[in-house]
PDB file of N, CA and C in Angstrom:
ATOM      1  N   MET A   1     -26.320 -24.450 -27.323  1.00  0.00           N
ATOM      2  CA  MET A   1     -25.294 -24.467 -28.352  1.00  0.00           C
ATOM      3  C   MET A   1     -25.743 -23.564 -29.502  1.00  0.00           C
ATOM      4  N   ALA A   2     -24.970 -22.551 -29.770  1.00  0.00           N
ATOM      5  CA  ALA A   2     -25.271 -21.626 -30.863  1.00  0.00           C
ATOM      6  C   ALA A   2     -24.980 -22.290 -32.205  1.00  0.00           C
ATOM      7  N   ILE A   3     -25.826 -22.023 -33.182  1.00  0.00           N
ATOM      8  CA  ILE A   3     -25.616 -22.593 -34.512  1.00  0.00           C
ATOM      9  C   ILE A   3     -24.566 -21.773 -35.252  1.00  0.00           C
ATOM     10  N   LYS A   4     -23.543 -22.461 -35.694  1.00  0.00           N
ATOM     11  CA  LYS A   4     -22.476 -21.855 -36.504  1.00  0.00           C
ATOM     12  C   LYS A   4     -22.534 -22.567 -37.848  1.00  0.00           C
ATOM     13  N   SER A   5     -23.216 -21.957 -38.767  1.00  0.00           N
ATOM     14  CA  SER A   5     -23.514 -22.580 -40.046  1.00  0.00           C
ATOM     15  C   SER A   5     -22.420 -22.330 -41.078  1.00  0.00           C
ATOM     16  N   ILE A   6     -22.205 -23.334 -41.931  1.00  0.00           N
ATOM     17  CA  ILE A   6     -21.218 -23.217 -43.002  1.00  0.00           C
ATOM     18  C   ILE A   6     -21.772 -23.926 -44.238  1.00  0.00           C
ATOM     19  N   ASN A   7     -21.543 -23.335 -45.397  1.00  0.00           N
ATOM     20  CA  ASN A   7     -21.964 -23.949 -46.656  1.00  0.00           C
ATOM     21  C   ASN A   7     -20.831 -24.796 -47.191  1.00  0.00           C
ATOM     22  N   VAL A   8     -21.148 -26.053 -47.488  1.00  0.00           N
ATOM     23  CA  VAL A   8     -20.164 -26.970 -48.063  1.00  0.00           C
ATOM     24  C   VAL A   8     -20.746 -27.563 -49.334  1.00  0.00           C
ATOM     25  N   GLY A   9     -19.878 -28.023 -50.208  1.00  0.00           N
ATOM     26  CA  GLY A   9     -20.343 -28.578 -51.464  1.00  0.00           C
ATOM     27  C   GLY A   9     -19.627 -29.857 -51.830  1.00  0.00           C
ATOM     28  N   ILE A  10     -20.231 -30.594 -52.725  1.00  0.00           N
ATOM     29  CA  ILE A  10     -19.644 -31.809 -53.291  1.00  0.00           C
ATOM     30  C   ILE A  10     -19.414 -31.526 -54.763  1.00  0.00           C
ATOM     31  N   MET A  11     -18.179 -31.695 -55.202  1.00  0.00           N
ATOM     32  CA  MET A  11     -17.827 -31.445 -56.597  1.00  0.00           C
ATOM     33  C   MET A  11     -16.618 -32.323 -56.932  1.00  0.00           C
ATOM     34  N   SER A  12     -16.610 -32.893 -58.120  1.00  0.00           N
ATOM     35  CA  SER A  12     -15.487 -33.742 -58.514  1.00  0.00           C
ATOM     36  C   SER A  12     -14.199 -32.919 -58.556  1.00  0.00           C
ATOM     37  N   ARG A  13     -13.095 -33.598 -58.432  1.00  0.00           N
ATOM     38  CA  ARG A  13     -11.787 -32.931 -58.463  1.00  0.00           C
ATOM     39  C   ARG A  13     -11.608 -32.170 -59.771  1.00  0.00           C
ATOM     40  N   GLU A  14     -12.005 -32.771 -60.877  1.00  0.00           N
ATOM     41  CA  GLU A  14     -11.860 -32.125 -62.186  1.00  0.00           C
ATOM     42  C   GLU A  14     -12.678 -30.835 -62.252  1.00  0.00           C
ATOM     43  N   GLU A  15     -13.928 -30.910 -61.802  1.00  0.00           N
ATOM     44  CA  GLU A  15     -14.784 -29.720 -61.805  1.00  0.00           C
ATOM     45  C   GLU A  15     -14.228 -28.640 -60.876  1.00  0.00           C
ATOM     46  N   PHE A  16     -13.713 -29.065 -59.727  1.00  0.00           N
ATOM     47  CA  PHE A  16     -13.150 -28.112 -58.778  1.00  0.00           C
ATOM     48  C   PHE A  16     -11.931 -27.414 -59.376  1.00  0.00           C
ATOM     49  N   MET A  17     -11.073 -28.175 -60.046  1.00  0.00           N
ATOM     50  CA  MET A  17      -9.888 -27.593 -60.684  1.00  0.00           C
ATOM     51  C   MET A  17     -10.310 -26.586 -61.756  1.00  0.00           C
ATOM     52  N   GLN A  18     -11.282 -26.941 -62.573  1.00  0.00           N
ATOM     53  CA  GLN A  18     -11.779 -26.046 -63.630  1.00  0.00           C
ATOM     54  C   GLN A  18     -12.372 -24.776 -63.018  1.00  0.00           C
ATOM     55  N   ARG A  19     -13.126 -24.942 -61.944  1.00  0.00           N
ATOM     56  CA  ARG A  19     -13.728 -23.795 -61.256  1.00  0.00           C
ATOM     57  C   ARG A  19     -12.639 -22.871 -60.711  1.00  0.00           C
ATOM     58  N   THR A  20     -11.620 -23.449 -60.103  1.00  0.00           N
ATOM     59  CA  THR A  20     -10.512 -22.674 -59.539  1.00  0.00           C
ATOM     60  C   THR A  20      -9.789 -21.885 -60.623  1.00  0.00           C
ATOM     61  N   ILE A  21      -9.555 -22.521 -61.765  1.00  0.00           N
ATOM     62  CA  ILE A  21      -8.892 -21.845 -62.889  1.00  0.00           C
ATOM     63  C   ILE A  21      -9.762 -20.693 -63.399  1.00  0.00           C
ATOM     64  N   SER A  22     -11.059 -20.936 -63.519  1.00  0.00           N
ATOM     65  CA  SER A  22     -11.982 -19.889 -63.982  1.00  0.00           C
ATOM     66  C   SER A  22     -11.994 -18.705 -63.026  1.00  0.00           C
ATOM     67  N   ILE A  23     -11.942 -18.975 -61.734  1.00  0.00           N
ATOM     68  CA  ILE A  23     -11.904 -17.896 -60.738  1.00  0.00           C
ATOM     69  C   ILE A  23     -10.597 -17.123 -60.875  1.00  0.00           C
ATOM     70  N   ALA A  24      -9.485 -17.847 -60.992  1.00  0.00           N
ATOM     71  CA  ALA A  24      -8.169 -17.206 -61.107  1.00  0.00           C
ATOM     72  C   ALA A  24      -8.076 -16.337 -62.356  1.00  0.00           C
ATOM     73  N   LYS A  25      -8.697 -16.762 -63.455  1.00  0.00           N
ATOM     74  CA  LYS A  25      -8.675 -15.997 -64.704  1.00  0.00           C
ATOM     75  C   LYS A  25      -9.673 -14.842 -64.698  1.00  0.00           C
ATOM     76  N   GLY A  26     -10.507 -14.786 -63.665  1.00  0.00           N
ATOM     77  CA  GLY A  26     -11.518 -13.733 -63.602  1.00  0.00           C
ATOM     78  C   GLY A  26     -12.744 -14.037 -64.443  1.00  0.00           C
ATOM     79  N   GLU A  27     -12.864 -15.258 -64.931  1.00  0.00           N
ATOM     80  CA  GLU A  27     -13.994 -15.646 -65.765  1.00  0.00           C
ATOM     81  C   GLU A  27     -15.236 -15.990 -64.927  1.00  0.00           C
ATOM     82  N   TYR A  28     -15.007 -16.262 -63.666  1.00  0.00           N
ATOM     83  CA  TYR A  28     -16.109 -16.643 -62.785  1.00  0.00           C
ATOM     84  C   TYR A  28     -15.894 -16.022 -61.414  1.00  0.00           C
ATOM     85  N   LYS A  29     -16.957 -15.408 -60.905  1.00  0.00           N
ATOM     86  CA  LYS A  29     -16.895 -14.826 -59.564  1.00  0.00           C
ATOM     87  C   LYS A  29     -17.914 -15.567 -58.698  1.00  0.00           C
ATOM     88  N   PRO A  30     -17.435 -16.274 -57.659  1.00  0.00           N
ATOM     89  CA  PRO A  30     -18.365 -17.018 -56.804  1.00  0.00           C
ATOM     90  C   PRO A  30     -19.365 -16.096 -56.116  1.00  0.00           C
ATOM     91  N   GLU A  31     -20.585 -16.573 -55.990  1.00  0.00           N
ATOM     92  CA  GLU A  31     -21.626 -15.841 -55.263  1.00  0.00           C
ATOM     93  C   GLU A  31     -21.293 -15.862 -53.775  1.00  0.00           C
ATOM     94  N   LYS A  32     -21.788 -14.875 -53.058  1.00  0.00           N
ATOM     95  CA  LYS A  32     -21.511 -14.735 -51.629  1.00  0.00           C
ATOM     96  C   LYS A  32     -21.920 -15.978 -50.828  1.00  0.00           C
ATOM     97  N   ASP A  33     -23.048 -16.595 -51.176  1.00  0.00           N
ATOM     98  CA  ASP A  33     -23.559 -17.722 -50.405  1.00  0.00           C
ATOM     99  C   ASP A  33     -23.105 -19.093 -50.924  1.00  0.00           C
ATOM    100  N   GLU A  34     -22.231 -19.117 -51.933  1.00  0.00           N
ATOM    101  CA  GLU A  34     -21.719 -20.389 -52.443  1.00  0.00           C
ATOM    102  C   GLU A  34     -20.810 -21.044 -51.408  1.00  0.00           C
ATOM    103  N   PRO A  35     -20.710 -22.368 -51.458  1.00  0.00           N
ATOM    104  CA  PRO A  35     -19.804 -23.038 -50.530  1.00  0.00           C
ATOM    105  C   PRO A  35     -18.365 -22.538 -50.672  1.00  0.00           C
ATOM    106  N   LYS A  36     -17.703 -22.440 -49.541  1.00  0.00           N
ATOM    107  CA  LYS A  36     -16.280 -22.090 -49.519  1.00  0.00           C
ATOM    108  C   LYS A  36     -15.452 -23.365 -49.363  1.00  0.00           C
ATOM    109  N   ILE A  37     -16.115 -24.402 -48.889  1.00  0.00           N
ATOM    110  CA  ILE A  37     -15.457 -25.676 -48.638  1.00  0.00           C
ATOM    111  C   ILE A  37     -16.083 -26.721 -49.546  1.00  0.00           C
ATOM    112  N   TRP A  38     -15.206 -27.439 -50.255  1.00  0.00           N
ATOM    113  CA  TRP A  38     -15.676 -28.451 -51.199  1.00  0.00           C
ATOM    114  C   TRP A  38     -15.083 -29.806 -50.862  1.00  0.00           C
ATOM    115  N   PHE A  39     -15.931 -30.824 -50.945  1.00  0.00           N
ATOM    116  CA  PHE A  39     -15.504 -32.209 -50.779  1.00  0.00           C
ATOM    117  C   PHE A  39     -15.573 -32.870 -52.143  1.00  0.00           C
ATOM    118  N   GLU A  40     -14.706 -33.832 -52.365  1.00  0.00           N
ATOM    119  CA  GLU A  40     -14.655 -34.507 -53.659  1.00  0.00           C
ATOM    120  C   GLU A  40     -15.811 -35.490 -53.850  1.00  0.00           C
ATOM    121  N   SER A  41     -16.335 -36.001 -52.744  1.00  0.00           N
ATOM    122  CA  SER A  41     -17.410 -36.985 -52.847  1.00  0.00           C
ATOM    123  C   SER A  41     -18.247 -36.978 -51.576  1.00  0.00           C
ATOM    124  N   LEU A  42     -19.424 -37.579 -51.677  1.00  0.00           N
ATOM    125  CA  LEU A  42     -20.250 -37.742 -50.482  1.00  0.00           C
ATOM    126  C   LEU A  42     -19.524 -38.609 -49.461  1.00  0.00           C
ATOM    127  N   GLN A  43     -18.728 -39.571 -49.954  1.00  0.00           N
ATOM    128  CA  GLN A  43     -17.957 -40.441 -49.060  1.00  0.00           C
ATOM    129  C   GLN A  43     -16.977 -39.635 -48.215  1.00  0.00           C
ATOM    130  N   SER A  44     -16.239 -38.726 -48.852  1.00  0.00           N
ATOM    131  CA  SER A  44     -15.261 -37.947 -48.094  1.00  0.00           C
ATOM    132  C   SER A  44     -15.969 -37.020 -47.106  1.00  0.00           C
ATOM    133  N   PHE A  45     -17.104 -36.453 -47.498  1.00  0.00           N
ATOM    134  CA  PHE A  45     -17.911 -35.635 -46.597  1.00  0.00           C
ATOM    135  C   PHE A  45     -18.355 -36.470 -45.395  1.00  0.00           C
ATOM    136  N   ALA A  46     -18.852 -37.677 -45.681  1.00  0.00           N
ATOM    137  CA  ALA A  46     -19.330 -38.568 -44.614  1.00  0.00           C
ATOM    138  C   ALA A  46     -18.199 -39.003 -43.685  1.00  0.00           C
ATOM    139  N   GLN A  47     -16.998 -39.186 -44.203  1.00  0.00           N
ATOM    140  CA  GLN A  47     -15.866 -39.574 -43.366  1.00  0.00           C
ATOM    141  C   GLN A  47     -15.482 -38.447 -42.413  1.00  0.00           C
ATOM    142  N   VAL A  48     -15.412 -37.232 -42.929  1.00  0.00           N
ATOM    143  CA  VAL A  48     -15.014 -36.095 -42.097  1.00  0.00           C
ATOM    144  C   VAL A  48     -16.087 -35.798 -41.049  1.00  0.00           C
ATOM    145  N   LEU A  49     -17.359 -35.988 -41.409  1.00  0.00           N
ATOM    146  CA  LEU A  49     -18.446 -35.717 -40.471  1.00  0.00           C
ATOM    147  C   LEU A  49     -19.130 -37.004 -40.021  1.00  0.00           C
ATOM    148  N   SER A  50     -18.314 -38.003 -39.727  1.00  0.00           N
ATOM    149  CA  SER A  50     -18.830 -39.280 -39.226  1.00  0.00           C
ATOM    150  C   SER A  50     -19.492 -39.073 -37.863  1.00  0.00           C
ATOM    151  N   ASP A  51     -20.195 -40.083 -37.387  1.00  0.00           N
ATOM    152  CA  ASP A  51     -20.829 -40.004 -36.064  1.00  0.00           C
ATOM    153  C   ASP A  51     -19.785 -39.686 -34.992  1.00  0.00           C
ATOM    154  N   ASP A  52     -18.642 -40.363 -35.040  1.00  0.00           N
ATOM    155  CA  ASP A  52     -17.583 -40.132 -34.050  1.00  0.00           C
ATOM    156  C   ASP A  52     -17.066 -38.697 -34.100  1.00  0.00           C
ATOM    157  N   ASN A  53     -16.906 -38.161 -35.300  1.00  0.00           N
ATOM    158  CA  ASN A  53     -16.378 -36.803 -35.434  1.00  0.00           C
ATOM    159  C   ASN A  53     -17.399 -35.739 -35.051  1.00  0.00           C
ATOM    160  N   ARG A  54     -18.681 -36.005 -35.313  1.00  0.00           N
ATOM    161  CA  ARG A  54     -19.713 -35.073 -34.852  1.00  0.00           C
ATOM    162  C   ARG A  54     -19.789 -35.088 -33.330  1.00  0.00           C
ATOM    163  N   PHE A  55     -19.621 -36.261 -32.723  1.00  0.00           N
ATOM    164  CA  PHE A  55     -19.559 -36.353 -31.261  1.00  0.00           C
ATOM    165  C   PHE A  55     -18.381 -35.520 -30.746  1.00  0.00           C
ATOM    166  N   LEU A  56     -17.263 -35.627 -31.421  1.00  0.00           N
ATOM    167  CA  LEU A  56     -16.059 -34.866 -31.067  1.00  0.00           C
ATOM    168  C   LEU A  56     -16.354 -33.357 -31.091  1.00  0.00           C
ATOM    169  N   LEU A  57     -17.036 -32.894 -32.120  1.00  0.00           N
ATOM    170  CA  LEU A  57     -17.409 -31.477 -32.210  1.00  0.00           C
ATOM    171  C   LEU A  57     -18.293 -31.057 -31.039  1.00  0.00           C
ATOM    172  N   ARG A  58     -19.256 -31.923 -30.676  1.00  0.00           N
ATOM    173  CA  ARG A  58     -20.137 -31.611 -29.542  1.00  0.00           C
ATOM    174  C   ARG A  58     -19.346 -31.508 -28.243  1.00  0.00           C
ATOM    175  N   VAL A  59     -18.416 -32.431 -28.028  1.00  0.00           N
ATOM    176  CA  VAL A  59     -17.602 -32.414 -26.806  1.00  0.00           C
ATOM    177  C   VAL A  59     -16.763 -31.139 -26.754  1.00  0.00           C
ATOM    178  N   ILE A  60     -16.168 -30.771 -27.878  1.00  0.00           N
ATOM    179  CA  ILE A  60     -15.344 -29.552 -27.922  1.00  0.00           C
ATOM    180  C   ILE A  60     -16.206 -28.342 -27.563  1.00  0.00           C
ATOM    181  N   GLU A  61     -17.402 -28.270 -28.140  1.00  0.00           N
ATOM    182  CA  GLU A  61     -18.278 -27.127 -27.867  1.00  0.00           C
ATOM    183  C   GLU A  61     -18.777 -27.099 -26.434  1.00  0.00           C
ATOM    184  N   GLU A  62     -19.160 -28.243 -25.922  1.00  0.00           N
ATOM    185  CA  GLU A  62     -19.765 -28.286 -24.592  1.00  0.00           C
ATOM    186  C   GLU A  62     -18.747 -28.221 -23.461  1.00  0.00           C
ATOM    187  N   LYS A  63     -17.573 -28.818 -23.639  1.00  0.00           N
ATOM    188  CA  LYS A  63     -16.593 -28.927 -22.550  1.00  0.00           C
ATOM    189  C   LYS A  63     -15.428 -27.946 -22.669  1.00  0.00           C
ATOM    190  N   ASN A  64     -15.244 -27.359 -23.841  1.00  0.00           N
ATOM    191  CA  ASN A  64     -14.148 -26.409 -24.073  1.00  0.00           C
ATOM    192  C   ASN A  64     -12.793 -26.906 -23.568  1.00  0.00           C
ATOM    193  N   PRO A  65     -12.335 -28.055 -24.068  1.00  0.00           N
ATOM    194  CA  PRO A  65     -11.039 -28.571 -23.605  1.00  0.00           C
ATOM    195  C   PRO A  65      -9.905 -27.615 -23.974  1.00  0.00           C
ATOM    196  N   LYS A  66      -8.936 -27.491 -23.091  1.00  0.00           N
ATOM    197  CA  LYS A  66      -7.824 -26.562 -23.287  1.00  0.00           C
ATOM    198  C   LYS A  66      -6.635 -27.207 -24.005  1.00  0.00           C
ATOM    199  N   SER A  67      -6.730 -28.523 -24.255  1.00  0.00           N
ATOM    200  CA  SER A  67      -5.630 -29.216 -24.931  1.00  0.00           C
ATOM    201  C   SER A  67      -6.141 -30.498 -25.590  1.00  0.00           C
ATOM    202  N   LEU A  68      -5.319 -31.061 -26.473  1.00  0.00           N
ATOM    203  CA  LEU A  68      -5.667 -32.340 -27.102  1.00  0.00           C
ATOM    204  C   LEU A  68      -5.670 -33.448 -26.058  1.00  0.00           C
ATOM    205  N   ARG A  69      -4.789 -33.351 -25.095  1.00  0.00           N
ATOM    206  CA  ARG A  69      -4.742 -34.356 -24.025  1.00  0.00           C
ATOM    207  C   ARG A  69      -6.066 -34.366 -23.260  1.00  0.00           C
ATOM    208  N   GLU A  70      -6.559 -33.176 -22.913  1.00  0.00           N
ATOM    209  CA  GLU A  70      -7.840 -33.083 -22.198  1.00  0.00           C
ATOM    210  C   GLU A  70      -8.978 -33.613 -23.066  1.00  0.00           C
ATOM    211  N   LEU A  71      -8.970 -33.275 -24.354  1.00  0.00           N
ATOM    212  CA  LEU A  71      -9.998 -33.771 -25.267  1.00  0.00           C
ATOM    213  C   LEU A  71      -9.928 -35.296 -25.380  1.00  0.00           C
ATOM    214  N   GLY A  72      -8.711 -35.834 -25.414  1.00  0.00           N
ATOM    215  CA  GLY A  72      -8.539 -37.281 -25.459  1.00  0.00           C
ATOM    216  C   GLY A  72      -9.121 -37.952 -24.230  1.00  0.00           C
ATOM    217  N   THR A  73      -8.917 -37.350 -23.086  1.00  0.00           N
ATOM    218  CA  THR A  73      -9.467 -37.888 -21.833  1.00  0.00           C
ATOM    219  C   THR A  73     -10.998 -37.842 -21.863  1.00  0.00           C
ATOM    220  N   LEU A  74     -11.548 -36.751 -22.351  1.00  0.00           N
ATOM    221  CA  LEU A  74     -13.004 -36.598 -22.410  1.00  0.00           C
ATOM    222  C   LEU A  74     -13.663 -37.566 -23.389  1.00  0.00           C
ATOM    223  N   THR A  75     -12.951 -37.902 -24.464  1.00  0.00           N
ATOM    224  CA  THR A  75     -13.552 -38.728 -25.525  1.00  0.00           C
ATOM    225  C   THR A  75     -13.054 -40.168 -25.551  1.00  0.00           C
ATOM    226  N   GLY A  76     -11.964 -40.439 -24.826  1.00  0.00           N
ATOM    227  CA  GLY A  76     -11.396 -41.779 -24.856  1.00  0.00           C
ATOM    228  C   GLY A  76     -10.608 -42.070 -26.122  1.00  0.00           C
ATOM    229  N   ARG A  77     -10.288 -41.026 -26.877  1.00  0.00           N
ATOM    230  CA  ARG A  77      -9.543 -41.219 -28.125  1.00  0.00           C
ATOM    231  C   ARG A  77      -8.067 -40.973 -27.903  1.00  0.00           C
ATOM    232  N   ASN A  78      -7.254 -41.738 -28.579  1.00  0.00           N
ATOM    233  CA  ASN A  78      -5.799 -41.635 -28.510  1.00  0.00           C
ATOM    234  C   ASN A  78      -5.341 -40.308 -29.131  1.00  0.00           C
ATOM    235  N   LYS A  79      -4.340 -39.680 -28.521  1.00  0.00           N
ATOM    236  CA  LYS A  79      -3.918 -38.333 -28.917  1.00  0.00           C
ATOM    237  C   LYS A  79      -3.452 -38.255 -30.377  1.00  0.00           C
ATOM    238  N   SER A  80      -2.714 -39.247 -30.879  1.00  0.00           N
ATOM    239  CA  SER A  80      -2.227 -39.160 -32.263  1.00  0.00           C
ATOM    240  C   SER A  80      -3.381 -39.285 -33.259  1.00  0.00           C
ATOM    241  N   ASN A  81      -4.329 -40.169 -32.986  1.00  0.00           N
ATOM    242  CA  ASN A  81      -5.509 -40.314 -33.842  1.00  0.00           C
ATOM    243  C   ASN A  81      -6.345 -39.044 -33.788  1.00  0.00           C
ATOM    244  N   LEU A  82      -6.497 -38.516 -32.600  1.00  0.00           N
ATOM    245  CA  LEU A  82      -7.250 -37.287 -32.388  1.00  0.00           C
ATOM    246  C   LEU A  82      -6.610 -36.122 -33.137  1.00  0.00           C
ATOM    247  N   SER A  83      -5.311 -36.017 -33.056  1.00  0.00           N
ATOM    248  CA  SER A  83      -4.571 -34.948 -33.731  1.00  0.00           C
ATOM    249  C   SER A  83      -4.781 -35.011 -35.239  1.00  0.00           C
ATOM    250  N   ARG A  84      -4.700 -36.192 -35.801  1.00  0.00           N
ATOM    251  CA  ARG A  84      -4.889 -36.376 -37.250  1.00  0.00           C
ATOM    252  C   ARG A  84      -6.314 -35.963 -37.651  1.00  0.00           C
ATOM    253  N   THR A  85      -7.298 -36.408 -36.880  1.00  0.00           N
ATOM    254  CA  THR A  85      -8.694 -36.066 -37.163  1.00  0.00           C
ATOM    255  C   THR A  85      -8.919 -34.562 -37.084  1.00  0.00           C
ATOM    256  N   LEU A  86      -8.398 -33.942 -36.033  1.00  0.00           N
ATOM    257  CA  LEU A  86      -8.589 -32.499 -35.852  1.00  0.00           C
ATOM    258  C   LEU A  86      -7.893 -31.690 -36.937  1.00  0.00           C
ATOM    259  N   HIS A  87      -6.716 -32.135 -37.367  1.00  0.00           N
ATOM    260  CA  HIS A  87      -6.024 -31.424 -38.450  1.00  0.00           C
ATOM    261  C   HIS A  87      -6.813 -31.532 -39.763  1.00  0.00           C
ATOM    262  N   THR A  88      -7.431 -32.677 -39.996  1.00  0.00           N
ATOM    263  CA  THR A  88      -8.276 -32.835 -41.182  1.00  0.00           C
ATOM    264  C   THR A  88      -9.463 -31.884 -41.096  1.00  0.00           C
ATOM    265  N   MET A  89     -10.115 -31.849 -39.941  1.00  0.00           N
ATOM    266  CA  MET A  89     -11.259 -30.959 -39.755  1.00  0.00           C
ATOM    267  C   MET A  89     -10.836 -29.489 -39.883  1.00  0.00           C
ATOM    268  N   ALA A  90      -9.670 -29.163 -39.388  1.00  0.00           N
ATOM    269  CA  ALA A  90      -9.155 -27.786 -39.504  1.00  0.00           C
ATOM    270  C   ALA A  90      -8.895 -27.432 -40.964  1.00  0.00           C
ATOM    271  N   SER A  91      -8.402 -28.400 -41.749  1.00  0.00           N
ATOM    272  CA  SER A  91      -8.118 -28.120 -43.161  1.00  0.00           C
ATOM    273  C   SER A  91      -9.399 -27.814 -43.939  1.00  0.00           C
ATOM    274  N   TYR A  92     -10.536 -28.318 -43.452  1.00  0.00           N
ATOM    275  CA  TYR A  92     -11.822 -28.030 -44.081  1.00  0.00           C
ATOM    276  C   TYR A  92     -12.515 -26.811 -43.471  1.00  0.00           C
ATOM    277  N   GLY A  93     -11.895 -26.189 -42.468  1.00  0.00           N
ATOM    278  CA  GLY A  93     -12.474 -25.000 -41.853  1.00  0.00           C
ATOM    279  C   GLY A  93     -13.572 -25.287 -40.850  1.00  0.00           C
ATOM    280  N   ILE A  94     -13.642 -26.523 -40.362  1.00  0.00           N
ATOM    281  CA  ILE A  94     -14.682 -26.902 -39.411  1.00  0.00           C
ATOM    282  C   ILE A  94     -14.281 -26.523 -37.980  1.00  0.00           C
ATOM    283  N   ILE A  95     -12.993 -26.593 -37.696  1.00  0.00           N
ATOM    284  CA  ILE A  95     -12.477 -26.185 -36.388  1.00  0.00           C
ATOM    285  C   ILE A  95     -11.239 -25.324 -36.575  1.00  0.00           C
ATOM    286  N   ASP A  96     -10.834 -24.670 -35.504  1.00  0.00           N
ATOM    287  CA  ASP A  96      -9.549 -23.976 -35.425  1.00  0.00           C
ATOM    288  C   ASP A  96      -8.723 -24.682 -34.373  1.00  0.00           C
ATOM    289  N   LEU A  97      -7.443 -24.771 -34.606  1.00  0.00           N
ATOM    290  CA  LEU A  97      -6.512 -25.284 -33.605  1.00  0.00           C
ATOM    291  C   LEU A  97      -5.672 -24.100 -33.153  1.00  0.00           C
ATOM    292  N   VAL A  98      -5.972 -23.617 -31.969  1.00  0.00           N
ATOM    293  CA  VAL A  98      -5.369 -22.393 -31.458  1.00  0.00           C
ATOM    294  C   VAL A  98      -4.215 -22.731 -30.517  1.00  0.00           C
ATOM    295  N   LYS A  99      -3.047 -22.142 -30.783  1.00  0.00           N
ATOM    296  CA  LYS A  99      -1.897 -22.330 -29.891  1.00  0.00           C
ATOM    297  C   LYS A  99      -2.265 -21.758 -28.527  1.00  0.00           C
ATOM    298  N   HIS A 100      -2.035 -22.566 -27.511  1.00  0.00           N
ATOM    299  CA  HIS A 100      -2.423 -22.193 -26.157  1.00  0.00           C
ATOM    300  C   HIS A 100      -1.276 -22.590 -25.235  1.00  0.00           C
ATOM    301  N   HIS A 101      -0.681 -21.652 -24.590  1.00  0.00           N
ATOM    302  CA  HIS A 101       0.505 -21.877 -23.759  1.00  0.00           C
ATOM    303  C   HIS A 101       1.668 -22.307 -24.647  1.00  0.00           C
ATOM    304  N   ALA A 102       2.669 -22.895 -24.074  1.00  0.00           N
ATOM    305  CA  ALA A 102       3.899 -23.216 -24.806  1.00  0.00           C
ATOM    306  C   ALA A 102       3.673 -24.186 -25.961  1.00  0.00           C
ATOM    307  N   ARG A 103       3.209 -25.383 -25.667  1.00  0.00           N
ATOM    308  CA  ARG A 103       3.089 -26.395 -26.709  1.00  0.00           C
ATOM    309  C   ARG A 103       1.695 -26.971 -26.839  1.00  0.00           C
ATOM    310  N   GLU A 104       0.760 -26.411 -26.138  1.00  0.00           N
ATOM    311  CA  GLU A 104      -0.602 -26.933 -26.171  1.00  0.00           C
ATOM    312  C   GLU A 104      -1.394 -26.321 -27.337  1.00  0.00           C
ATOM    313  N   VAL A 105      -2.281 -27.116 -27.877  1.00  0.00           N
ATOM    314  CA  VAL A 105      -3.178 -26.668 -28.935  1.00  0.00           C
ATOM    315  C   VAL A 105      -4.604 -26.850 -28.419  1.00  0.00           C
ATOM    316  N   MET A 106      -5.386 -25.800 -28.530  1.00  0.00           N
ATOM    317  CA  MET A 106      -6.767 -25.833 -28.054  1.00  0.00           C
ATOM    318  C   MET A 106      -7.708 -25.869 -29.262  1.00  0.00           C
ATOM    319  N   PRO A 107      -8.546 -26.910 -29.360  1.00  0.00           N
ATOM    320  CA  PRO A 107      -9.502 -26.968 -30.475  1.00  0.00           C
ATOM    321  C   PRO A 107     -10.702 -26.072 -30.214  1.00  0.00           C
ATOM    322  N   MET A 108     -11.155 -25.390 -31.259  1.00  0.00           N
ATOM    323  CA  MET A 108     -12.342 -24.527 -31.168  1.00  0.00           C
ATOM    324  C   MET A 108     -13.216 -24.782 -32.388  1.00  0.00           C
ATOM    325  N   VAL A 109     -14.492 -24.991 -32.162  1.00  0.00           N
ATOM    326  CA  VAL A 109     -15.440 -25.286 -33.248  1.00  0.00           C
ATOM    327  C   VAL A 109     -15.779 -24.012 -34.013  1.00  0.00           C
ATOM    328  N   LYS A 110     -15.633 -24.077 -35.328  1.00  0.00           N
ATOM    329  CA  LYS A 110     -16.021 -22.966 -36.203  1.00  0.00           C
ATOM    330  C   LYS A 110     -17.378 -23.225 -36.849  1.00  0.00           C
ATOM    331  N   ALA A 111     -17.733 -24.504 -37.016  1.00  0.00           N
ATOM    332  CA  ALA A 111     -18.998 -24.851 -37.673  1.00  0.00           C
ATOM    333  C   ALA A 111     -19.607 -26.087 -37.018  1.00  0.00           C
ATOM    334  N   ASN A 112     -20.906 -26.008 -36.757  1.00  0.00           N
ATOM    335  CA  ASN A 112     -21.613 -27.167 -36.199  1.00  0.00           C
ATOM    336  C   ASN A 112     -22.923 -27.447 -36.943  1.00  0.00           C
ATOM    337  N   HIS A 113     -23.150 -26.704 -38.003  1.00  0.00           N
ATOM    338  CA  HIS A 113     -24.330 -26.878 -38.842  1.00  0.00           C
ATOM    339  C   HIS A 113     -23.870 -26.752 -40.287  1.00  0.00           C
ATOM    340  N   PHE A 114     -24.198 -27.747 -41.122  1.00  0.00           N
ATOM    341  CA  PHE A 114     -23.675 -27.791 -42.473  1.00  0.00           C
ATOM    342  C   PHE A 114     -24.793 -27.792 -43.507  1.00  0.00           C
ATOM    343  N   ASN A 115     -24.720 -26.811 -44.405  1.00  0.00           N
ATOM    344  CA  ASN A 115     -25.657 -26.742 -45.524  1.00  0.00           C
ATOM    345  C   ASN A 115     -24.922 -27.344 -46.721  1.00  0.00           C
ATOM    346  N   LEU A 116     -25.447 -28.433 -47.236  1.00  0.00           N
ATOM    347  CA  LEU A 116     -24.764 -29.189 -48.283  1.00  0.00           C
ATOM    348  C   LEU A 116     -25.327 -28.888 -49.667  1.00  0.00           C
ATOM    349  N   GLU A 117     -24.424 -28.556 -50.601  1.00  0.00           N
ATOM    350  CA  GLU A 117     -24.773 -28.346 -52.002  1.00  0.00           C
ATOM    351  C   GLU A 117     -24.059 -29.416 -52.808  1.00  0.00           C
ATOM    352  N   VAL A 118     -24.803 -30.152 -53.606  1.00  0.00           N
ATOM    353  CA  VAL A 118     -24.221 -31.215 -54.418  1.00  0.00           C
ATOM    354  C   VAL A 118     -24.352 -30.844 -55.878  1.00  0.00           C
ATOM    355  N   CYS A 119     -23.221 -30.823 -56.575  1.00  0.00           N
ATOM    356  CA  CYS A 119     -23.213 -30.538 -58.011  1.00  0.00           C
ATOM    357  C   CYS A 119     -23.215 -31.860 -58.765  1.00  0.00           C
ATOM    358  N   VAL A 120     -24.085 -31.989 -59.758  1.00  0.00           N
ATOM    359  CA  VAL A 120     -24.143 -33.228 -60.543  1.00  0.00           C
ATOM    360  C   VAL A 120     -23.677 -33.003 -61.955  1.00  0.00           C
TER     361      VAL A 120
END
């Protein structure tokens, strides 16, 4: 399994909003190696990367399922729950959901190694 590393950070919603405004105004330019993905709390980070979800990432990488139905069969997870989890992971840039055939969506792992930065 090749390491696909991504920088993530923990920052309060207020700090994130202020940072976004500063970037938009040109007052702050993010460094190249700064996190691109931010979580509001360690709890939200832990929920998205729970043991079950990390297992899901491993299955996607190792088995390359061609659909959510196939992934559900491989993991024993219900398709609607799986879909919700995968869409959350996609919103954080951890996976891609690629249209495959007419109505099938194929999950692809974008990140399997996470470098965590916590702002206090």
